[in-house]
């Protein structure tokens, strides 16, 4: 099982995370349903080579009234939350 997975270019709630990757936390071999948190990361390239920049961390599918990690990442990239 790979630890990094591509984010959906456009998520069900209107998030736009094209070219980003995600990792479920805790990292390991447990199924995603048993890993409630996630990192959203941006592949970057610097002087010393490629690296992953943290865009957001949080709950993947939180209870009502809490923003998901995907919504937090969208806001960081686009300056606003989605309006769906």
Protein backbone atom coordinates (compact mmCIF):
# COMPACT_ATOMS: atom_id res chain seq x y z
CA UNK A 1 0.00 0.00 0.00
CA UNK A 2 1.34 3.43 -0.91
CA UNK A 3 1.34 6.21 1.68
CA UNK A 4 0.78 9.03 -0.82
CA UNK A 5 -2.33 9.20 -2.99
CA UNK A 6 -3.40 11.83 -5.52
CA UNK A 7 -6.10 14.26 -4.41
CA UNK A 8 -9.19 14.59 -6.58
CA UNK A 9 -8.80 17.49 -9.00
CA UNK A 10 -12.30 18.63 -7.99
CA UNK A 11 -13.90 17.18 -4.86
CA UNK A 12 -17.56 16.56 -4.12
CA UNK A 13 -17.79 19.75 -2.03
CA UNK A 14 -16.20 21.92 -4.72
CA UNK A 15 -12.61 21.73 -3.51
CA UNK A 16 -9.96 22.14 -6.19
CA UNK A 17 -6.79 20.25 -5.27
CA UNK A 18 -5.34 19.35 -8.67
CA UNK A 19 -1.67 18.25 -8.58
CA UNK A 20 -1.71 17.70 -4.78
CA UNK A 21 -1.25 14.47 -2.84
CA UNK A 22 -2.69 13.21 0.43
CA UNK A 23 -1.59 10.86 3.17
CA UNK A 24 -3.94 9.25 5.67
CA UNK A 25 -2.93 9.45 9.34
CA UNK A 26 -1.90 7.42 11.20
CA UNK A 27 0.34 6.27 8.36
CA UNK A 28 0.39 2.50 8.04
CA UNK A 29 -1.41 -0.49 6.62
CA UNK A 30 -4.80 0.02 8.30
CA UNK A 31 -7.73 0.77 5.96
CA UNK A 32 -8.52 4.45 5.32
CA UNK A 33 -11.71 4.17 7.39
CA UNK A 34 -9.50 3.58 10.45
CA UNK A 35 -7.28 6.59 9.71
CA UNK A 36 -9.45 9.65 10.38
CA UNK A 37 -6.85 12.38 9.78
CA UNK A 38 -4.91 13.44 6.74
CA UNK A 39 -2.15 15.59 5.33
CA UNK A 40 -2.56 17.42 2.02
CA UNK A 41 0.83 18.06 0.44
CA UNK A 42 2.12 19.92 -2.60
CA UNK A 43 5.02 18.44 -4.58
CA UNK A 44 7.65 21.16 -4.99
CA UNK A 45 11.20 21.42 -6.29
CA UNK A 46 13.93 23.47 -4.64
CA UNK A 47 17.69 23.92 -4.94
CA UNK A 48 18.34 20.62 -3.19
CA UNK A 49 15.77 18.66 -5.16
CA UNK A 50 12.13 17.65 -4.83
CA UNK A 51 10.21 17.93 -1.57
CA UNK A 52 6.63 17.92 -0.25
CA UNK A 53 5.22 21.13 1.22
CA UNK A 54 2.49 20.79 3.84
CA UNK A 55 -0.68 22.54 2.71
CA UNK A 56 -3.10 21.34 5.42
CA UNK A 57 -3.66 18.83 8.20
CA UNK A 58 -6.97 17.85 9.77
CA UNK A 59 -9.86 15.44 9.92
CA UNK A 60 -10.71 13.82 6.61
CA UNK A 61 -14.45 13.53 7.20
CA UNK A 62 -15.31 15.53 10.35
CA UNK A 63 -18.64 16.00 12.06
CA UNK A 64 -20.92 18.84 10.97
CA UNK A 65 -19.54 22.30 11.60
CA UNK A 66 -15.85 21.38 11.26
CA UNK A 67 -13.91 21.95 8.03
CA UNK A 68 -12.27 18.90 6.47
CA UNK A 69 -8.57 18.80 5.65
CA UNK A 70 -9.57 19.10 1.99
CA UNK A 71 -11.57 22.30 2.62
CA UNK A 72 -8.68 23.73 4.65
CA UNK A 73 -6.27 22.97 1.80
CA UNK A 74 -8.62 24.60 -0.72
CA UNK A 75 -8.77 27.78 1.40
CA UNK A 76 -5.00 27.92 1.75
CA UNK A 77 -4.55 27.63 -2.02
CA UNK A 78 -7.46 29.75 -3.24
CA UNK A 79 -8.04 32.21 -0.38
CA UNK A 80 -11.60 31.14 0.42
CA UNK A 81 -13.67 28.13 1.39
CA UNK A 82 -15.97 26.55 -1.16
CA UNK A 83 -19.58 27.67 -1.10
CA UNK A 84 -21.35 24.37 -1.73
